[in-house]
Structures are given as structure tokens and as C-alpha cells.
C-alpha atoms as a PDB file:
ATOM      1  CA  UNK A   1      29.374  82.786  89.281  1.00  0.00           C
ATOM      2  CA  UNK A   2      29.081  78.997  90.402  1.00  0.00           C
ATOM      3  CA  UNK A   3      29.043  77.850  86.847  1.00  0.00           C
ATOM      4  CA  UNK A   4      32.188  79.765  85.835  1.00  0.00           C
ATOM      5  CA  UNK A   5      34.083  78.745  88.833  1.00  0.00           C
ATOM      6  CA  UNK A   6      33.366  75.113  87.880  1.00  0.00           C
ATOM      7  CA  UNK A   7      34.162  75.820  84.378  1.00  0.00           C
ATOM      8  CA  UNK A   8      37.651  77.299  85.611  1.00  0.00           C
ATOM      9  CA  UNK A   9      38.515  74.317  87.740  1.00  0.00           C
ATOM     10  CA  UNK A  10      38.173  71.779  84.774  1.00  0.00           C
ATOM     11  CA  UNK A  11      41.476  72.251  83.318  1.00  0.00           C
ATOM     12  CA  UNK A  12      43.514  72.553  86.597  1.00  0.00           C
ATOM     13  CA  UNK A  13      41.502  69.310  88.055  1.00  0.00           C
ATOM     14  CA  UNK A  14      42.213  67.359  84.706  1.00  0.00           C
ATOM     15  CA  UNK A  15      45.987  68.481  84.914  1.00  0.00           C
ATOM     16  CA  UNK A  16      46.399  67.546  88.541  1.00  0.00           C
ATOM     17  CA  UNK A  17      44.602  64.199  87.561  1.00  0.00           C
ATOM     18  CA  UNK A  18      47.119  63.452  84.656  1.00  0.00           C
ATOM     19  CA  UNK A  19      49.939  63.986  87.351  1.00  0.00           C
ATOM     20  CA  UNK A  20      48.336  61.762  89.992  1.00  0.00           C
ATOM     21  CA  UNK A  21      47.814  58.912  87.117  1.00  0.00           C
ATOM     22  CA  UNK A  22      51.454  59.152  85.890  1.00  0.00           C
ATOM     23  CA  UNK A  23      52.563  59.032  89.606  1.00  0.00           C
ATOM     24  CA  UNK A  24      50.363  56.238  90.410  1.00  0.00           C
ATOM     25  CA  UNK A  25      51.767  54.422  87.239  1.00  0.00           C
ATOM     26  CA  UNK A  26      55.392  54.851  88.260  1.00  0.00           C
ATOM     27  CA  UNK A  27      54.519  53.848  92.044  1.00  0.00           C
ATOM     28  CA  UNK A  28      52.476  50.680  91.179  1.00  0.00           C
ATOM     29  CA  UNK A  29      55.020  49.650  88.492  1.00  0.00           C
ATOM     30  CA  UNK A  30      57.999  50.791  90.486  1.00  0.00           C
ATOM     31  CA  UNK A  31      59.450  52.462  87.464  1.00  0.00           C
ATOM     32  CA  UNK A  32      61.748  55.402  88.055  1.00  0.00           C
ATOM     33  CA  UNK A  33      60.671  58.244  85.672  1.00  0.00           C
ATOM     34  CA  UNK A  34      62.976  60.669  87.022  1.00  0.00           C
ATOM     35  CA  UNK A  35      65.247  60.268  83.826  1.00  0.00           C
ATOM     36  CA  UNK A  36      62.581  62.076  81.881  1.00  0.00           C
ATOM     37  CA  UNK A  37      63.644  65.159  84.107  1.00  0.00           C
ATOM     38  CA  UNK A  38      65.491  68.091  83.166  1.00  0.00           C
ATOM     39  CA  UNK A  39      69.206  67.345  83.251  1.00  0.00           C
ATOM     40  CA  UNK A  40      70.980  70.931  82.691  1.00  0.00           C
ATOM     41  CA  UNK A  41      73.091  71.735  79.809  1.00  0.00           C
ATOM     42  CA  UNK A  42      72.903  68.393  78.186  1.00  0.00           C
ATOM     43  CA  UNK A  43      71.267  68.176  74.747  1.00  0.00           C
ATOM     44  CA  UNK A  44      69.290  65.103  76.003  1.00  0.00           C
ATOM     45  CA  UNK A  45      68.243  66.715  78.995  1.00  0.00           C
ATOM     46  CA  UNK A  46      66.509  69.449  77.366  1.00  0.00           C
ATOM     47  CA  UNK A  47      63.417  67.134  76.398  1.00  0.00           C
ATOM     48  CA  UNK A  48      62.992  67.340  80.286  1.00  0.00           C
ATOM     49  CA  UNK A  49      61.828  70.921  79.880  1.00  0.00           C
ATOM     50  CA  UNK A  50      58.278  69.721  78.860  1.00  0.00           C
ATOM     51  CA  UNK A  51      58.179  66.156  80.532  1.00  0.00           C
ATOM     52  CA  UNK A  52      59.720  67.074  84.028  1.00  0.00           C
ATOM     53  CA  UNK A  53      56.345  68.944  84.973  1.00  0.00           C
ATOM     54  CA  UNK A  54      54.503  65.699  84.880  1.00  0.00           C
ATOM     55  CA  UNK A  55      56.871  63.692  86.858  1.00  0.00           C
ATOM     56  CA  UNK A  56      57.392  63.767  90.848  1.00  0.00           C
ATOM     57  CA  UNK A  57      59.284  61.756  93.291  1.00  0.00           C
ATOM     58  CA  UNK A  58      56.956  61.098  95.883  1.00  0.00           C
ATOM     59  CA  UNK A  59      53.219  61.369  97.038  1.00  0.00           C
ATOM     60  CA  UNK A  60      54.407  64.381  99.337  1.00  0.00           C
ATOM     61  CA  UNK A  61      55.947  66.042  96.329  1.00  0.00           C
ATOM     62  CA  UNK A  62      52.986  65.552  94.071  1.00  0.00           C
ATOM     63  CA  UNK A  63      50.586  66.730  96.866  1.00  0.00           C
ATOM     64  CA  UNK A  64      52.701  69.893  97.594  1.00  0.00           C
ATOM     65  CA  UNK A  65      52.358  70.887  93.772  1.00  0.00           C
ATOM     66  CA  UNK A  66      48.991  69.778  93.245  1.00  0.00           C
ATOM     67  CA  UNK A  67      47.160  72.212  95.667  1.00  0.00           C
ATOM     68  CA  UNK A  68      48.691  74.910  94.511  1.00  0.00           C
ATOM     69  CA  UNK A  69      47.997  74.036  90.816  1.00  0.00           C
ATOM     70  CA  UNK A  70      44.537  73.818  91.752  1.00  0.00           C
ATOM     71  CA  UNK A  71      44.376  76.826  93.452  1.00  0.00           C
ATOM     72  CA  UNK A  72      46.077  78.915  91.218  1.00  0.00           C
ATOM     73  CA  UNK A  73      45.074  77.355  88.083  1.00  0.00           C
ATOM     74  CA  UNK A  74      41.326  77.848  88.958  1.00  0.00           C
ATOM     75  CA  UNK A  75      42.040  81.237  89.728  1.00  0.00           C
ATOM     76  CA  UNK A  76      44.079  82.030  86.393  1.00  0.00           C
ATOM     77  CA  UNK A  77      41.289  80.246  84.425  1.00  0.00           C
ATOM     78  CA  UNK A  78      38.498  82.257  86.154  1.00  0.00           C
ATOM     79  CA  UNK A  79      40.005  85.505  85.715  1.00  0.00           C
ATOM     80  CA  UNK A  80      41.724  85.197  82.445  1.00  0.00           C
ATOM     81  CA  UNK A  81      39.978  82.208  80.661  1.00  0.00           C
ATOM     82  CA  UNK A  82      41.458  82.979  77.028  1.00  0.00           C
ATOM     83  CA  UNK A  83      44.789  83.856  78.177  1.00  0.00           C
ATOM     84  CA  UNK A  84      45.438  80.901  80.651  1.00  0.00           C
ATOM     85  CA  UNK A  85      46.447  78.060  78.312  1.00  0.00           C
ATOM     86  CA  UNK A  86      49.224  80.440  76.888  1.00  0.00           C
ATOM     87  CA  UNK A  87      50.166  81.482  80.448  1.00  0.00           C
ATOM     88  CA  UNK A  88      50.577  77.821  81.425  1.00  0.00           C
ATOM     89  CA  UNK A  89      52.461  76.516  78.526  1.00  0.00           C
ATOM     90  CA  UNK A  90      55.056  79.374  78.515  1.00  0.00           C
ATOM     91  CA  UNK A  91      55.341  79.185  82.220  1.00  0.00           C
ATOM     92  CA  UNK A  92      56.375  75.323  81.840  1.00  0.00           C
ATOM     93  CA  UNK A  93      58.799  76.218  79.005  1.00  0.00           C
ATOM     94  CA  UNK A  94      60.302  79.145  80.370  1.00  0.00           C
ATOM     95  CA  UNK A  95      60.900  77.836  83.894  1.00  0.00           C
ATOM     96  CA  UNK A  96      62.047  74.832  82.730  1.00  0.00           C
ATOM     97  CA  UNK A  97      64.542  76.446  80.218  1.00  0.00           C
ATOM     98  CA  UNK A  98      65.882  78.353  83.014  1.00  0.00           C
ATOM     99  CA  UNK A  99      66.565  75.149  85.103  1.00  0.00           C
ATOM    100  CA  UNK A 100      68.075  73.617  82.093  1.00  0.00           C
ATOM    101  CA  UNK A 101      70.488  76.746  81.950  1.00  0.00           C
ATOM    102  CA  UNK A 102      71.160  77.043  85.362  1.00  0.00           C
ATOM    103  CA  UNK A 103      70.332  73.822  87.299  1.00  0.00           C
ATOM    104  CA  UNK A 104      72.759  71.898  89.433  1.00  0.00           C
ATOM    105  CA  UNK A 105      73.948  68.667  87.337  1.00  0.00           C
ATOM    106  CA  UNK A 106      71.301  66.231  88.291  1.00  0.00           C
ATOM    107  CA  UNK A 107      67.520  65.286  87.042  1.00  0.00           C
ATOM    108  CA  UNK A 108      65.149  68.104  88.007  1.00  0.00           C
ATOM    109  CA  UNK A 109      61.416  66.779  88.061  1.00  0.00           C
ATOM    110  CA  UNK A 110      58.159  68.133  89.354  1.00  0.00           C
ATOM    111  CA  UNK A 111      55.692  71.131  88.530  1.00  0.00           C
ATOM    112  CA  UNK A 112      57.275  73.686  91.014  1.00  0.00           C
ATOM    113  CA  UNK A 113      58.165  75.842  88.227  1.00  0.00           C
ATOM    114  CA  UNK A 114      54.762  76.035  87.252  1.00  0.00           C
ATOM    115  CA  UNK A 115      53.498  76.678  90.548  1.00  0.00           C
ATOM    116  CA  UNK A 116      55.992  79.578  91.209  1.00  0.00           C
ATOM    117  CA  UNK A 117      55.309  81.163  87.680  1.00  0.00           C
ATOM    118  CA  UNK A 118      51.338  81.118  88.651  1.00  0.00           C
END
């Protein structure tokens, strides 16, 4: 059981580590990445459906997404090993598309859509 739990933690931990690296880069270089977010109902804003999940506005925002991603992601990969990657990908795309369809006219960033889907 311990080995399976560690195995299930690998992908969520790598994903959160990637989010941390991106935010650290943004923070250290003082580059604002929010323009890579979802901008609703604009053709160019649709690129954010995929990229917005990797961008966070603050350390607090990142931590508030990271903890549930680790817990819920590990649970998903533990119980549904084969289905988990598809669930994550579909959740990112579906929630991002819904934000693109119905969000207020502003850039939307963060992994909250994935967290809520999980």
C-alpha cells in the first residue's frame, strides 16, 4: 500500500513542482504571465484554456491550489491509475472552456478549475 501511495503521488507532485517553478520564474524575473490566462469570448483568449492552469497571481494563490491538487490528485491516481491522466486533461479543458464561454471580460488564471473538477 505504501508503494502504491508513493507511486500515486508522483504525477501530482511533479505537476505542483512545475507550477512552483513557473511562479518562481515569474516572481524572480518580475514578468507578469497573466496575459497567458483565459480571456473569455476572444479568439486569442482561447489559448489560455490550456496555459492558464500553470499561472498563478500570488504565492497564496499557488499554495491554495497546490494543497488540494496534491491531496485530490494523489487520491485520483491511487484509485483510478489508468483513468487519472484523462480525467486531469479533460477537467482542465472542460473547465477552461466554460470559463472562456461565461467568464467576465478579464484574464482568468490558476488551477482552481482543475481543483474543483477533482
